[in-house]
Structure formats: C-alpha cells, structure tokens
PDB file of N, CA and C in Angstrom:
ATOM      1  N   UNK A   1       5.467  17.776 -15.692  1.00  0.00           N
ATOM      2  CA  UNK A   1       4.561  17.151 -16.755  1.00  0.00           C
ATOM      3  C   UNK A   1       3.270  16.909 -16.290  1.00  0.00           C
ATOM      4  N   UNK A   2       2.301  17.054 -16.740  1.00  0.00           N
ATOM      5  CA  UNK A   2       0.803  16.925 -16.322  1.00  0.00           C
ATOM      6  C   UNK A   2       0.423  15.485 -16.217  1.00  0.00           C
ATOM      7  N   UNK A   3      -0.048  15.228 -15.159  1.00  0.00           N
ATOM      8  CA  UNK A   3      -0.738  13.782 -15.020  1.00  0.00           C
ATOM      9  C   UNK A   3      -1.945  13.397 -15.771  1.00  0.00           C
ATOM     10  N   UNK A   4      -2.464  12.255 -16.138  1.00  0.00           N
ATOM     11  CA  UNK A   4      -3.710  11.996 -16.555  1.00  0.00           C
ATOM     12  C   UNK A   4      -3.835  12.504 -18.200  1.00  0.00           C
ATOM     13  N   UNK A   5      -2.747  12.647 -18.863  1.00  0.00           N
ATOM     14  CA  UNK A   5      -2.727  12.879 -20.032  1.00  0.00           C
ATOM     15  C   UNK A   5      -2.334  11.890 -21.166  1.00  0.00           C
ATOM     16  N   UNK A   6      -1.443  10.833 -20.556  1.00  0.00           N
ATOM     17  CA  UNK A   6      -1.021   9.971 -21.394  1.00  0.00           C
ATOM     18  C   UNK A   6      -2.001   8.527 -21.470  1.00  0.00           C
ATOM     19  N   UNK A   7      -2.015   7.796 -22.447  1.00  0.00           N
ATOM     20  CA  UNK A   7      -2.762   6.600 -22.460  1.00  0.00           C
ATOM     21  C   UNK A   7      -2.025   5.497 -21.702  1.00  0.00           C
ATOM     22  N   UNK A   8      -2.722   4.448 -21.214  1.00  0.00           N
ATOM     23  CA  UNK A   8      -2.042   3.257 -20.485  1.00  0.00           C
ATOM     24  C   UNK A   8      -1.149   2.450 -21.428  1.00  0.00           C
ATOM     25  N   UNK A   9      -0.312   2.123 -20.715  1.00  0.00           N
ATOM     26  CA  UNK A   9       0.698   1.191 -21.553  1.00  0.00           C
ATOM     27  C   UNK A   9       0.651  -0.004 -21.000  1.00  0.00           C
ATOM     28  N   UNK A  10       0.311  -1.003 -21.669  1.00  0.00           N
ATOM     29  CA  UNK A  10      -0.324  -2.259 -21.157  1.00  0.00           C
ATOM     30  C   UNK A  10       0.521  -3.301 -22.053  1.00  0.00           C
ATOM     31  N   UNK A  11       0.378  -4.619 -21.343  1.00  0.00           N
ATOM     32  CA  UNK A  11       0.838  -5.622 -22.104  1.00  0.00           C
ATOM     33  C   UNK A  11      -0.340  -6.053 -23.131  1.00  0.00           C
ATOM     34  N   UNK A  12       0.359  -6.508 -24.584  1.00  0.00           N
ATOM     35  CA  UNK A  12      -0.438  -6.916 -25.618  1.00  0.00           C
ATOM     36  C   UNK A  12      -0.178  -8.248 -26.078  1.00  0.00           C
ATOM     37  N   UNK A  13      -0.857  -9.285 -26.383  1.00  0.00           N
ATOM     38  CA  UNK A  13      -0.617 -10.347 -27.037  1.00  0.00           C
ATOM     39  C   UNK A  13      -0.902 -10.318 -28.558  1.00  0.00           C
ATOM     40  N   UNK A  14       0.324 -10.220 -29.502  1.00  0.00           N
ATOM     41  CA  UNK A  14       0.184 -10.400 -30.727  1.00  0.00           C
ATOM     42  C   UNK A  14       0.143 -11.883 -31.242  1.00  0.00           C
ATOM     43  N   UNK A  15      -0.899 -12.108 -31.998  1.00  0.00           N
ATOM     44  CA  UNK A  15      -0.953 -13.570 -32.694  1.00  0.00           C
ATOM     45  C   UNK A  15      -1.028 -13.509 -34.141  1.00  0.00           C
ATOM     46  N   UNK A  16      -0.158 -14.106 -34.576  1.00  0.00           N
ATOM     47  CA  UNK A  16      -0.038 -14.258 -36.311  1.00  0.00           C
ATOM     48  C   UNK A  16      -0.909 -15.308 -36.785  1.00  0.00           C
ATOM     49  N   UNK A  17      -1.355 -15.241 -38.283  1.00  0.00           N
ATOM     50  CA  UNK A  17      -1.912 -16.053 -38.992  1.00  0.00           C
ATOM     51  C   UNK A  17      -1.145 -17.495 -38.720  1.00  0.00           C
ATOM     52  N   UNK A  18      -0.104 -17.523 -38.966  1.00  0.00           N
ATOM     53  CA  UNK A  18       0.847 -18.788 -39.011  1.00  0.00           C
ATOM     54  C   UNK A  18       0.722 -19.493 -37.673  1.00  0.00           C
ATOM     55  N   UNK A  19       0.183 -18.871 -36.478  1.00  0.00           N
ATOM     56  CA  UNK A  19       0.283 -19.488 -35.406  1.00  0.00           C
ATOM     57  C   UNK A  19       1.269 -18.975 -34.306  1.00  0.00           C
ATOM     58  N   UNK A  20       2.085 -18.177 -34.690  1.00  0.00           N
ATOM     59  CA  UNK A  20       3.238 -17.574 -33.816  1.00  0.00           C
ATOM     60  C   UNK A  20       2.572 -16.721 -32.966  1.00  0.00           C
ATOM     61  N   UNK A  21       2.919 -16.346 -31.587  1.00  0.00           N
ATOM     62  CA  UNK A  21       2.203 -15.411 -30.814  1.00  0.00           C
ATOM     63  C   UNK A  21       3.537 -14.782 -29.984  1.00  0.00           C
ATOM     64  N   UNK A  22       3.308 -13.633 -29.789  1.00  0.00           N
ATOM     65  CA  UNK A  22       4.526 -12.837 -28.863  1.00  0.00           C
ATOM     66  C   UNK A  22       3.694 -11.790 -28.041  1.00  0.00           C
ATOM     67  N   UNK A  23       4.518 -11.517 -26.651  1.00  0.00           N
ATOM     68  CA  UNK A  23       3.920 -10.305 -25.931  1.00  0.00           C
ATOM     69  C   UNK A  23       4.618  -8.907 -26.188  1.00  0.00           C
ATOM     70  N   UNK A  24       4.263  -8.006 -26.375  1.00  0.00           N
ATOM     71  CA  UNK A  24       4.756  -6.797 -26.407  1.00  0.00           C
ATOM     72  C   UNK A  24       3.965  -5.684 -25.440  1.00  0.00           C
ATOM     73  N   UNK A  25       4.226  -4.355 -25.640  1.00  0.00           N
ATOM     74  CA  UNK A  25       3.525  -3.487 -24.693  1.00  0.00           C
ATOM     75  C   UNK A  25       2.856  -2.236 -25.860  1.00  0.00           C
ATOM     76  N   UNK A  26       1.704  -1.891 -25.496  1.00  0.00           N
ATOM     77  CA  UNK A  26       1.233  -1.058 -26.401  1.00  0.00           C
ATOM     78  C   UNK A  26       0.183  -0.121 -25.653  1.00  0.00           C
ATOM     79  N   UNK A  27      -0.129   1.006 -26.269  1.00  0.00           N
ATOM     80  CA  UNK A  27      -1.243   2.013 -25.742  1.00  0.00           C
ATOM     81  C   UNK A  27      -2.572   1.867 -26.639  1.00  0.00           C
ATOM     82  N   UNK A  28      -2.580   0.600 -27.292  1.00  0.00           N
ATOM     83  CA  UNK A  28      -3.889   0.658 -28.397  1.00  0.00           C
ATOM     84  C   UNK A  28      -5.150   0.136 -27.624  1.00  0.00           C
ATOM     85  N   UNK A  29      -4.978   0.026 -25.993  1.00  0.00           N
ATOM     86  CA  UNK A  29      -6.310  -0.363 -25.501  1.00  0.00           C
ATOM     87  C   UNK A  29      -6.927  -1.761 -25.303  1.00  0.00           C
ATOM     88  N   UNK A  30      -6.503  -2.542 -26.162  1.00  0.00           N
ATOM     89  CA  UNK A  30      -6.951  -3.928 -26.339  1.00  0.00           C
ATOM     90  C   UNK A  30      -5.798  -4.869 -25.673  1.00  0.00           C
ATOM     91  N   UNK A  31      -5.871  -5.980 -25.213  1.00  0.00           N
ATOM     92  CA  UNK A  31      -5.223  -7.044 -24.595  1.00  0.00           C
ATOM     93  C   UNK A  31      -4.661  -8.163 -25.852  1.00  0.00           C
ATOM     94  N   UNK A  32      -5.046  -8.137 -26.820  1.00  0.00           N
ATOM     95  CA  UNK A  32      -4.668  -9.086 -27.953  1.00  0.00           C
ATOM     96  C   UNK A  32      -4.939  -8.182 -29.270  1.00  0.00           C
ATOM     97  N   UNK A  33      -3.953  -8.660 -30.221  1.00  0.00           N
ATOM     98  CA  UNK A  33      -4.027  -8.139 -31.618  1.00  0.00           C
ATOM     99  C   UNK A  33      -3.753  -9.181 -32.499  1.00  0.00           C
ATOM    100  N   UNK A  34      -4.379  -9.221 -33.756  1.00  0.00           N
ATOM    101  CA  UNK A  34      -3.931 -10.337 -34.734  1.00  0.00           C
ATOM    102  C   UNK A  34      -3.724  -9.812 -35.774  1.00  0.00           C
ATOM    103  N   UNK A  35      -2.401 -10.433 -36.524  1.00  0.00           N
ATOM    104  CA  UNK A  35      -1.723  -9.836 -37.573  1.00  0.00           C
ATOM    105  C   UNK A  35      -1.689 -10.870 -38.592  1.00  0.00           C
ATOM    106  N   UNK A  36      -1.600 -10.623 -39.962  1.00  0.00           N
ATOM    107  CA  UNK A  36      -1.598 -11.750 -41.091  1.00  0.00           C
ATOM    108  C   UNK A  36      -0.173 -12.040 -41.236  1.00  0.00           C
ATOM    109  N   UNK A  37       0.852 -11.504 -40.830  1.00  0.00           N
ATOM    110  CA  UNK A  37       2.270 -11.860 -41.277  1.00  0.00           C
ATOM    111  C   UNK A  37       3.216 -11.128 -39.870  1.00  0.00           C
ATOM    112  N   UNK A  38       4.133 -12.119 -39.797  1.00  0.00           N
ATOM    113  CA  UNK A  38       5.026 -11.660 -38.550  1.00  0.00           C
ATOM    114  C   UNK A  38       6.443 -11.796 -39.079  1.00  0.00           C
ATOM    115  N   UNK A  39       7.605 -11.867 -38.351  1.00  0.00           N
ATOM    116  CA  UNK A  39       8.890 -11.967 -38.573  1.00  0.00           C
ATOM    117  C   UNK A  39       9.372 -13.389 -38.828  1.00  0.00           C
ATOM    118  N   UNK A  40       8.276 -14.544 -38.256  1.00  0.00           N
ATOM    119  CA  UNK A  40       8.431 -15.890 -38.147  1.00  0.00           C
ATOM    120  C   UNK A  40       8.122 -16.233 -39.403  1.00  0.00           C
ATOM    121  N   UNK A  41       7.015 -15.767 -40.296  1.00  0.00           N
ATOM    122  CA  UNK A  41       6.746 -16.105 -41.463  1.00  0.00           C
ATOM    123  C   UNK A  41       6.917 -15.158 -42.748  1.00  0.00           C
ATOM    124  N   UNK A  42       7.418 -14.003 -42.422  1.00  0.00           N
ATOM    125  CA  UNK A  42       7.545 -13.080 -43.671  1.00  0.00           C
ATOM    126  C   UNK A  42       8.762 -13.704 -44.505  1.00  0.00           C
ATOM    127  N   UNK A  43       8.685 -13.743 -45.878  1.00  0.00           N
ATOM    128  CA  UNK A  43       9.473 -14.222 -46.747  1.00  0.00           C
ATOM    129  C   UNK A  43      11.172 -13.325 -46.298  1.00  0.00           C
ATOM    130  N   UNK A  44      11.198 -12.276 -45.979  1.00  0.00           N
ATOM    131  CA  UNK A  44      12.330 -11.419 -45.984  1.00  0.00           C
ATOM    132  C   UNK A  44      13.121 -12.145 -44.772  1.00  0.00           C
ATOM    133  N   UNK A  45      12.438 -12.573 -43.887  1.00  0.00           N
ATOM    134  CA  UNK A  45      13.067 -12.981 -42.586  1.00  0.00           C
ATOM    135  C   UNK A  45      13.294 -14.634 -42.805  1.00  0.00           C
ATOM    136  N   UNK A  46      12.738 -15.369 -43.425  1.00  0.00           N
ATOM    137  CA  UNK A  46      12.781 -16.528 -43.531  1.00  0.00           C
ATOM    138  C   UNK A  46      13.679 -16.973 -44.582  1.00  0.00           C
ATOM    139  N   UNK A  47      14.103 -16.196 -45.622  1.00  0.00           N
ATOM    140  CA  UNK A  47      15.011 -16.301 -46.333  1.00  0.00           C
ATOM    141  C   UNK A  47      14.313 -16.946 -47.698  1.00  0.00           C
ATOM    142  N   UNK A  48      13.198 -17.061 -47.713  1.00  0.00           N
ATOM    143  CA  UNK A  48      12.256 -17.526 -48.853  1.00  0.00           C
ATOM    144  C   UNK A  48      11.845 -16.414 -49.824  1.00  0.00           C
ATOM    145  N   UNK A  49      12.382 -15.214 -49.882  1.00  0.00           N
ATOM    146  CA  UNK A  49      11.981 -14.149 -50.777  1.00  0.00           C
ATOM    147  C   UNK A  49      12.177 -14.332 -52.193  1.00  0.00           C
ATOM    148  N   UNK A  50      11.144 -14.025 -52.853  1.00  0.00           N
ATOM    149  CA  UNK A  50      11.209 -14.276 -54.424  1.00  0.00           C
ATOM    150  C   UNK A  50      11.166 -12.888 -54.969  1.00  0.00           C
ATOM    151  N   UNK A  51      12.101 -12.589 -56.210  1.00  0.00           N
ATOM    152  CA  UNK A  51      11.734 -11.304 -57.044  1.00  0.00           C
ATOM    153  C   UNK A  51      10.678 -11.456 -57.964  1.00  0.00           C
ATOM    154  N   UNK A  52       9.464 -10.772 -57.744  1.00  0.00           N
ATOM    155  CA  UNK A  52       8.773 -10.706 -59.161  1.00  0.00           C
ATOM    156  C   UNK A  52       9.214  -9.871 -60.042  1.00  0.00           C
ATOM    157  N   UNK A  53       9.401 -10.432 -61.277  1.00  0.00           N
ATOM    158  CA  UNK A  53       9.851  -9.672 -62.278  1.00  0.00           C
ATOM    159  C   UNK A  53       8.882  -9.920 -63.631  1.00  0.00           C
ATOM    160  N   UNK A  54       7.865  -8.962 -63.763  1.00  0.00           N
ATOM    161  CA  UNK A  54       6.985  -9.241 -64.608  1.00  0.00           C
ATOM    162  C   UNK A  54       7.491  -8.526 -65.981  1.00  0.00           C
ATOM    163  N   UNK A  55       7.972  -7.397 -65.839  1.00  0.00           N
ATOM    164  CA  UNK A  55       8.440  -6.547 -66.970  1.00  0.00           C
ATOM    165  C   UNK A  55       9.605  -6.693 -67.541  1.00  0.00           C
ATOM    166  N   UNK A  56      10.476  -7.476 -67.015  1.00  0.00           N
ATOM    167  CA  UNK A  56      11.900  -7.756 -67.120  1.00  0.00           C
ATOM    168  C   UNK A  56      12.911  -6.839 -66.583  1.00  0.00           C
ATOM    169  N   UNK A  57      12.405  -6.038 -65.653  1.00  0.00           N
ATOM    170  CA  UNK A  57      13.324  -5.178 -65.021  1.00  0.00           C
ATOM    171  C   UNK A  57      14.735  -5.645 -64.521  1.00  0.00           C
ATOM    172  N   UNK A  58      14.240  -6.711 -63.598  1.00  0.00           N
ATOM    173  CA  UNK A  58      15.609  -7.267 -63.112  1.00  0.00           C
ATOM    174  C   UNK A  58      16.675  -7.802 -64.078  1.00  0.00           C
ATOM    175  N   UNK A  59      16.147  -8.389 -65.092  1.00  0.00           N
ATOM    176  CA  UNK A  59      17.116  -8.880 -66.206  1.00  0.00           C
ATOM    177  C   UNK A  59      17.621  -7.722 -66.860  1.00  0.00           C
ATOM    178  N   UNK A  60      16.820  -6.690 -67.055  1.00  0.00           N
ATOM    179  CA  UNK A  60      17.535  -5.499 -67.826  1.00  0.00           C
ATOM    180  C   UNK A  60      18.600  -4.869 -66.985  1.00  0.00           C
ATOM    181  N   UNK A  61      18.217  -4.937 -65.692  1.00  0.00           N
ATOM    182  CA  UNK A  61      19.229  -4.459 -64.891  1.00  0.00           C
ATOM    183  C   UNK A  61      20.676  -5.068 -64.865  1.00  0.00           C
ATOM    184  N   UNK A  62      20.472  -6.475 -64.729  1.00  0.00           N
ATOM    185  CA  UNK A  62      21.517  -7.330 -64.364  1.00  0.00           C
ATOM    186  C   UNK A  62      22.438  -7.389 -65.688  1.00  0.00           C
ATOM    187  N   UNK A  63      21.930  -7.306 -66.811  1.00  0.00           N
ATOM    188  CA  UNK A  63      22.641  -7.035 -68.416  1.00  0.00           C
ATOM    189  C   UNK A  63      23.210  -5.877 -68.319  1.00  0.00           C
ATOM    190  N   UNK A  64      22.677  -4.800 -67.772  1.00  0.00           N
ATOM    191  CA  UNK A  64      23.321  -3.531 -67.985  1.00  0.00           C
ATOM    192  C   UNK A  64      24.578  -3.487 -66.846  1.00  0.00           C
ATOM    193  N   UNK A  65      24.330  -4.069 -65.855  1.00  0.00           N
ATOM    194  CA  UNK A  65      25.468  -3.939 -64.850  1.00  0.00           C
ATOM    195  C   UNK A  65      26.478  -5.025 -64.838  1.00  0.00           C
ATOM    196  N   UNK A  66      26.187  -6.141 -65.867  1.00  0.00           N
ATOM    197  CA  UNK A  66      27.190  -7.424 -66.099  1.00  0.00           C
ATOM    198  C   UNK A  66      26.945  -8.621 -65.283  1.00  0.00           C
ATOM    199  N   UNK A  67      25.693  -8.585 -64.534  1.00  0.00           N
ATOM    200  CA  UNK A  67      25.240  -9.737 -63.845  1.00  0.00           C
ATOM    201  C   UNK A  67      24.459 -10.690 -64.862  1.00  0.00           C
ATOM    202  N   UNK A  68      24.684 -11.910 -64.397  1.00  0.00           N
ATOM    203  CA  UNK A  68      24.101 -13.063 -65.086  1.00  0.00           C
ATOM    204  C   UNK A  68      22.645 -13.111 -64.620  1.00  0.00           C
ATOM    205  N   UNK A  69      21.780 -13.145 -65.438  1.00  0.00           N
ATOM    206  CA  UNK A  69      20.223 -13.399 -64.980  1.00  0.00           C
ATOM    207  C   UNK A  69      19.934 -14.774 -64.444  1.00  0.00           C
ATOM    208  N   UNK A  70      19.343 -14.906 -63.091  1.00  0.00           N
ATOM    209  CA  UNK A  70      19.267 -16.327 -62.581  1.00  0.00           C
ATOM    210  C   UNK A  70      17.700 -16.793 -62.719  1.00  0.00           C
TER     211      UNK A  70
END
C-alpha cells in the first residue's frame, strides 16, 4: 500500500443543537462538528414520532387493511 495517500483520521467532537455532545473519529479535517439533530433528540429514537397525514393516506391504508384509525 502506498504511504501518504490517506487523510488523517482524528478525534472529532460532535455537538448537537439540543446540547448533547459525543466523540467520534473522522477524516473531515476539523476537531469539532455541529449538527441540528442527533439520536438523543431525534423523534424516531425518543419515541415521540408523529405521523403527518395531510392527505388521508394513513386513514385510507388502515381502512383498506382493517385497522382502526387512531
């Protein structure tokens, strides 16, 4: 393998808008990174996920397959 062709793999501190921060490793070349959403505040991981049904698609699906709309 040739030497000197791979970028540096370094520690990066990721900071979320919710205040959560964690350490990871990356080749991005900076020591910190800011994100808007992380696993601590994402609705899928927190269990606060809501289904947006503006066109009645969920209701039609549930009616078609015998489920009661909630």
